[in-house]
Each structure stands twice: as structure tokens, then as C-alpha cells.
Amino acid sequence: MTKFLLAVHVIAAIVAVGPVTVAASLFPPSARKALADPGDVGAAETVRLLHRICRVYAAVGVVVPVFGFATASNMGVLGDAWLVVSIALTALAALVLVALVLPRQSVFVDGGGDPAAAVRLAMFTGIFNLLWATVTVLMIIRPGSTTGA
């Protein structure tokens, strides 16, 4: 059962978190392009599409920690420091996405925003991506793991 839960957890992370990180990273330059040429319908459509990808896959991404907790419980590692740190960083990444990235993207989708706001959005997106990269490294390295991996 642990292998199944781990497989679902990893697949969900790839399928859900991957698109959010890519779409969120593409959003600030696309927003700047849309700002530079307000008449460019394609640029505006790109901004809307990237925001929609971020919102939808962020919602789908909820399954990642659900299966992560189930896997960790089966493995008996819920109290391990690397996992506790990973959980905290995952929660922080989710908070950054929900409180800082998505609302700022919405401003651009609604026709607002300015170049300075696009720069701040890029910074928050970078923080979000860095948090996920750190969690991924922790999941692979698992400091103190008894599996020898």
C-alpha cells in the first residue's frame, strides 16, 4: 500500500504542482507583454489562460499533501525532521500561492496592474517556486532517512 500511496503522491506532485510552477513563472513576462501593448488580444488571452491554469492546478494540488500524509503515515516518518520541515514549507508555498500570487495575477486578468506590480509578482512567484524546489530536494534527500537512499 505504501508504494501505491507514494506513486500517487509523486504523480500528483508532477501533474499538479508542475503546471502551476511553469504557468506562474510564465505569467509575469506575459503580463508585461500585455501591458506593453493593450491592444494585443493574444497577450491578454495568454494572461487569462495562465491564470486559469494556476487556479485549476492549485486546486488539484490539494491531493499532493493528502497522499503525502498518507504515505508518511504508512512509512512511520510523520515525526521526522525532514518531513516536518517539508510540511511547513509546503504550507508556506500554498500560502504564497493563494495569498500573494493568485490575487496579483487576478489584477492583471481584470485589466489592471503595472510594470512594478509585474516585478513584485515575479518575486512572489520565484519564492513560491523556490519553496517547492526545496521541498522536492528534501523529499529526495530525506536527511536522517534510514533507507540509505
C-alpha atoms as a PDB file:
ATOM      1  CA  MET A   1       0.000   0.000   0.000  1.00  0.00           C
ATOM      2  CA  THR A   2       2.879   2.386   0.772  1.00  0.00           C
ATOM      3  CA  LYS A   3       4.257   2.074  -2.757  1.00  0.00           C
ATOM      4  CA  PHE A   4       0.838   2.850  -4.216  1.00  0.00           C
ATOM      5  CA  LEU A   5       0.382   5.900  -1.984  1.00  0.00           C
ATOM      6  CA  LEU A   6       3.890   7.118  -2.776  1.00  0.00           C
ATOM      7  CA  ALA A   7       3.310   6.657  -6.508  1.00  0.00           C
ATOM      8  CA  VAL A   8       0.062   8.644  -6.365  1.00  0.00           C
ATOM      9  CA  HIS A   9       1.773  11.329  -4.267  1.00  0.00           C
ATOM     10  CA  VAL A  10       4.661  11.706  -6.739  1.00  0.00           C
ATOM     11  CA  ILE A  11       2.425  11.598  -9.821  1.00  0.00           C
ATOM     12  CA  ALA A  12       0.069  14.163  -8.275  1.00  0.00           C
ATOM     13  CA  ALA A  13       3.033  16.419  -7.489  1.00  0.00           C
ATOM     14  CA  ILE A  14       4.276  16.207 -11.066  1.00  0.00           C
ATOM     15  CA  VAL A  15       0.845  16.634 -12.649  1.00  0.00           C
ATOM     16  CA  ALA A  16      -0.489  19.331 -10.298  1.00  0.00           C
ATOM     17  CA  VAL A  17       2.457  21.312  -8.967  1.00  0.00           C
ATOM     18  CA  GLY A  18       4.470  21.220 -12.192  1.00  0.00           C
ATOM     19  CA  PRO A  19       1.921  23.127 -14.291  1.00  0.00           C
ATOM     20  CA  VAL A  20       1.392  25.711 -11.535  1.00  0.00           C
ATOM     21  CA  THR A  21       5.101  26.447 -11.269  1.00  0.00           C
ATOM     22  CA  VAL A  22       5.502  26.722 -15.043  1.00  0.00           C
ATOM     23  CA  ALA A  23       2.351  28.789 -15.637  1.00  0.00           C
ATOM     24  CA  ALA A  24       3.087  31.047 -12.666  1.00  0.00           C
ATOM     25  CA  SER A  25       6.617  31.606 -13.969  1.00  0.00           C
ATOM     26  CA  LEU A  26       5.336  32.470 -17.440  1.00  0.00           C
ATOM     27  CA  PHE A  27       2.706  34.841 -16.083  1.00  0.00           C
ATOM     28  CA  PRO A  28       4.816  37.946 -15.179  1.00  0.00           C
ATOM     29  CA  PRO A  29       6.524  38.242 -18.591  1.00  0.00           C
ATOM     30  CA  SER A  30       3.183  37.638 -20.289  1.00  0.00           C
ATOM     31  CA  ALA A  31       1.588  40.323 -18.123  1.00  0.00           C
ATOM     32  CA  ARG A  32       4.376  42.756 -19.035  1.00  0.00           C
ATOM     33  CA  LYS A  33       3.797  41.981 -22.717  1.00  0.00           C
ATOM     34  CA  ALA A  34       0.060  42.589 -22.328  1.00  0.00           C
ATOM     35  CA  LEU A  35       0.779  45.881 -20.536  1.00  0.00           C
ATOM     36  CA  ALA A  36       3.163  46.998 -23.278  1.00  0.00           C
ATOM     37  CA  ASP A  37       0.514  46.509 -25.960  1.00  0.00           C
ATOM     38  CA  PRO A  38      -3.010  46.830 -24.511  1.00  0.00           C
ATOM     39  CA  GLY A  39      -4.495  46.131 -27.939  1.00  0.00           C
ATOM     40  CA  ASP A  40      -2.808  42.739 -28.246  1.00  0.00           C
ATOM     41  CA  VAL A  41      -5.709  40.336 -27.792  1.00  0.00           C
ATOM     42  CA  GLY A  42      -3.380  37.335 -27.888  1.00  0.00           C
ATOM     43  CA  ALA A  43      -1.314  38.649 -24.995  1.00  0.00           C
ATOM     44  CA  ALA A  44      -4.451  39.244 -22.921  1.00  0.00           C
ATOM     45  CA  GLU A  45      -5.696  35.734 -23.722  1.00  0.00           C
ATOM     46  CA  THR A  46      -2.344  34.275 -22.664  1.00  0.00           C
ATOM     47  CA  VAL A  47      -2.570  36.076 -19.322  1.00  0.00           C
ATOM     48  CA  ARG A  48      -6.085  34.710 -18.751  1.00  0.00           C
ATOM     49  CA  LEU A  49      -5.064  31.183 -19.725  1.00  0.00           C
ATOM     50  CA  LEU A  50      -2.001  31.152 -17.468  1.00  0.00           C
ATOM     51  CA  HIS A  51      -4.073  32.425 -14.545  1.00  0.00           C
ATOM     52  CA  ARG A  52      -6.693  29.760 -15.166  1.00  0.00           C
ATOM     53  CA  ILE A  53      -4.016  27.045 -15.255  1.00  0.00           C
ATOM     54  CA  CYS A  54      -2.641  28.311 -11.943  1.00  0.00           C
ATOM     55  CA  ARG A  55      -6.072  28.355 -10.287  1.00  0.00           C
ATOM     56  CA  VAL A  56      -7.215  24.956 -11.555  1.00  0.00           C
ATOM     57  CA  TYR A  57      -3.977  23.109 -10.864  1.00  0.00           C
ATOM     58  CA  ALA A  58      -3.612  24.771  -7.463  1.00  0.00           C
ATOM     59  CA  ALA A  59      -6.981  23.245  -6.544  1.00  0.00           C
ATOM     60  CA  VAL A  60      -5.931  19.861  -7.947  1.00  0.00           C
ATOM     61  CA  GLY A  61      -2.671  20.181  -5.999  1.00  0.00           C
ATOM     62  CA  VAL A  62      -4.517  19.634  -2.730  1.00  0.00           C
ATOM     63  CA  VAL A  63      -4.213  15.884  -3.363  1.00  0.00           C
ATOM     64  CA  VAL A  64      -0.409  16.120  -3.111  1.00  0.00           C
ATOM     65  CA  PRO A  65      -0.232  16.696   0.656  1.00  0.00           C
ATOM     66  CA  VAL A  66      -3.211  14.397   1.248  1.00  0.00           C
ATOM     67  CA  PHE A  67      -1.378  11.455  -0.307  1.00  0.00           C
ATOM     68  CA  GLY A  68       1.875  12.695   1.216  1.00  0.00           C
ATOM     69  CA  PHE A  69       0.430  12.446   4.715  1.00  0.00           C
ATOM     70  CA  ALA A  70      -0.986   9.001   3.944  1.00  0.00           C
ATOM     71  CA  THR A  71       2.383   7.840   2.624  1.00  0.00           C
ATOM     72  CA  ALA A  72       4.315   9.284   5.575  1.00  0.00           C
ATOM     73  CA  SER A  73       1.893   7.692   7.994  1.00  0.00           C
ATOM     74  CA  ASN A  74       2.334   4.278   6.370  1.00  0.00           C
ATOM     75  CA  MET A  75       6.114   4.708   6.397  1.00  0.00           C
ATOM     76  CA  GLY A  76       6.096   5.816  10.035  1.00  0.00           C
ATOM     77  CA  VAL A  77       8.011   9.030   9.337  1.00  0.00           C
ATOM     78  CA  LEU A  78       5.446  11.651  10.343  1.00  0.00           C
ATOM     79  CA  GLY A  79       7.693  12.944  13.137  1.00  0.00           C
ATOM     80  CA  ASP A  80      10.944  13.030  11.142  1.00  0.00           C
ATOM     81  CA  ALA A  81      12.521  16.486  10.966  1.00  0.00           C
ATOM     82  CA  TRP A  82      12.875  16.482   7.164  1.00  0.00           C
ATOM     83  CA  LEU A  83       9.173  15.749   6.792  1.00  0.00           C
ATOM     84  CA  VAL A  84       8.094  18.337   9.345  1.00  0.00           C
ATOM     85  CA  VAL A  85      10.198  20.943   7.516  1.00  0.00           C
ATOM     86  CA  SER A  86       8.738  19.782   4.182  1.00  0.00           C
ATOM     87  CA  ILE A  87       5.202  20.102   5.539  1.00  0.00           C
ATOM     88  CA  ALA A  88       5.928  23.605   6.835  1.00  0.00           C
ATOM     89  CA  LEU A  89       7.473  24.666   3.525  1.00  0.00           C
ATOM     90  CA  THR A  90       4.558  23.153   1.590  1.00  0.00           C
ATOM     91  CA  ALA A  91       2.105  25.094   3.740  1.00  0.00           C
ATOM     92  CA  LEU A  92       4.147  28.255   3.203  1.00  0.00           C
ATOM     93  CA  ALA A  93       4.237  27.652  -0.566  1.00  0.00           C
ATOM     94  CA  ALA A  94       0.463  27.196  -0.597  1.00  0.00           C
ATOM     95  CA  LEU A  95       0.048  30.412   1.390  1.00  0.00           C
ATOM     96  CA  VAL A  96       2.305  32.331  -1.004  1.00  0.00           C
ATOM     97  CA  LEU A  97       0.339  30.993  -3.965  1.00  0.00           C
ATOM     98  CA  VAL A  98      -3.101  31.689  -2.518  1.00  0.00           C
ATOM     99  CA  ALA A  99      -2.357  34.997  -0.785  1.00  0.00           C
ATOM    100  CA  LEU A 100       0.316  36.596  -2.957  1.00  0.00           C
ATOM    101  CA  VAL A 101       0.479  35.070  -6.435  1.00  0.00           C
ATOM    102  CA  LEU A 102      -3.106  34.313  -7.481  1.00  0.00           C
ATOM    103  CA  PRO A 103      -4.637  37.600  -6.262  1.00  0.00           C
ATOM    104  CA  ARG A 104      -1.933  39.610  -8.043  1.00  0.00           C
ATOM    105  CA  GLN A 105      -2.481  37.612 -11.206  1.00  0.00           C
ATOM    106  CA  SER A 106      -6.202  38.424 -10.962  1.00  0.00           C
ATOM    107  CA  VAL A 107      -5.390  42.138 -11.044  1.00  0.00           C
ATOM    108  CA  PHE A 108      -3.746  41.692 -14.445  1.00  0.00           C
ATOM    109  CA  VAL A 109      -6.535  39.455 -15.727  1.00  0.00           C
ATOM    110  CA  ASP A 110      -9.020  42.171 -14.773  1.00  0.00           C
ATOM    111  CA  GLY A 111      -7.078  44.708 -16.844  1.00  0.00           C
ATOM    112  CA  GLY A 112      -5.149  46.375 -14.028  1.00  0.00           C
ATOM    113  CA  GLY A 113      -1.565  46.181 -12.920  1.00  0.00           C
ATOM    114  CA  ASP A 114       1.571  47.999 -13.935  1.00  0.00           C
ATOM    115  CA  PRO A 115       5.190  47.046 -14.648  1.00  0.00           C
ATOM    116  CA  ALA A 116       6.164  47.425 -10.974  1.00  0.00           C
ATOM    117  CA  ALA A 117       3.334  45.087  -9.956  1.00  0.00           C
ATOM    118  CA  ALA A 118       4.586  42.566 -12.542  1.00  0.00           C
ATOM    119  CA  VAL A 119       8.042  42.706 -10.951  1.00  0.00           C
ATOM    120  CA  ARG A 120       6.596  42.081  -7.475  1.00  0.00           C
ATOM    121  CA  LEU A 121       4.510  39.230  -8.868  1.00  0.00           C
ATOM    122  CA  ALA A 122       7.643  37.712 -10.402  1.00  0.00           C
ATOM    123  CA  MET A 123       9.339  37.924  -6.994  1.00  0.00           C
ATOM    124  CA  PHE A 124       6.459  36.171  -5.216  1.00  0.00           C
ATOM    125  CA  THR A 125       6.345  33.553  -7.966  1.00  0.00           C
ATOM    126  CA  GLY A 126      10.067  32.962  -7.532  1.00  0.00           C
ATOM    127  CA  ILE A 127       9.593  32.492  -3.792  1.00  0.00           C
ATOM    128  CA  PHE A 128       6.781  30.017  -4.467  1.00  0.00           C
ATOM    129  CA  ASN A 129       8.961  28.073  -6.912  1.00  0.00           C
ATOM    130  CA  LEU A 130      11.955  28.112  -4.566  1.00  0.00           C
ATOM    131  CA  LEU A 131       9.825  26.707  -1.742  1.00  0.00           C
ATOM    132  CA  TRP A 132       8.627  23.857  -3.971  1.00  0.00           C
ATOM    133  CA  ALA A 133      12.152  23.147  -5.176  1.00  0.00           C
ATOM    134  CA  THR A 134      13.327  22.950  -1.563  1.00  0.00           C
ATOM    135  CA  VAL A 135      10.511  20.545  -0.679  1.00  0.00           C
ATOM    136  CA  THR A 136      11.407  18.400  -3.681  1.00  0.00           C
ATOM    137  CA  VAL A 137      15.059  18.243  -2.624  1.00  0.00           C
ATOM    138  CA  LEU A 138      14.052  17.342   0.934  1.00  0.00           C
ATOM    139  CA  MET A 139      11.785  14.577  -0.369  1.00  0.00           C
ATOM    140  CA  ILE A 140      14.636  13.128  -2.412  1.00  0.00           C
ATOM    141  CA  ILE A 141      17.477  13.506   0.088  1.00  0.00           C
ATOM    142  CA  ARG A 142      15.448  12.857   3.267  1.00  0.00           C
ATOM    143  CA  PRO A 143      18.113  13.844   5.804  1.00  0.00           C
ATOM    144  CA  GLY A 144      18.321  11.232   8.541  1.00  0.00           C
ATOM    145  CA  SER A 145      16.489   8.674   6.439  1.00  0.00           C
ATOM    146  CA  THR A 146      17.042   5.076   7.449  1.00  0.00           C
ATOM    147  CA  THR A 147      16.512   3.796   3.900  1.00  0.00           C
ATOM    148  CA  GLY A 148      20.078   4.630   2.914  1.00  0.00           C
ATOM    149  CA  ALA A 149      18.911   6.486  -0.179  1.00  0.00           C
END
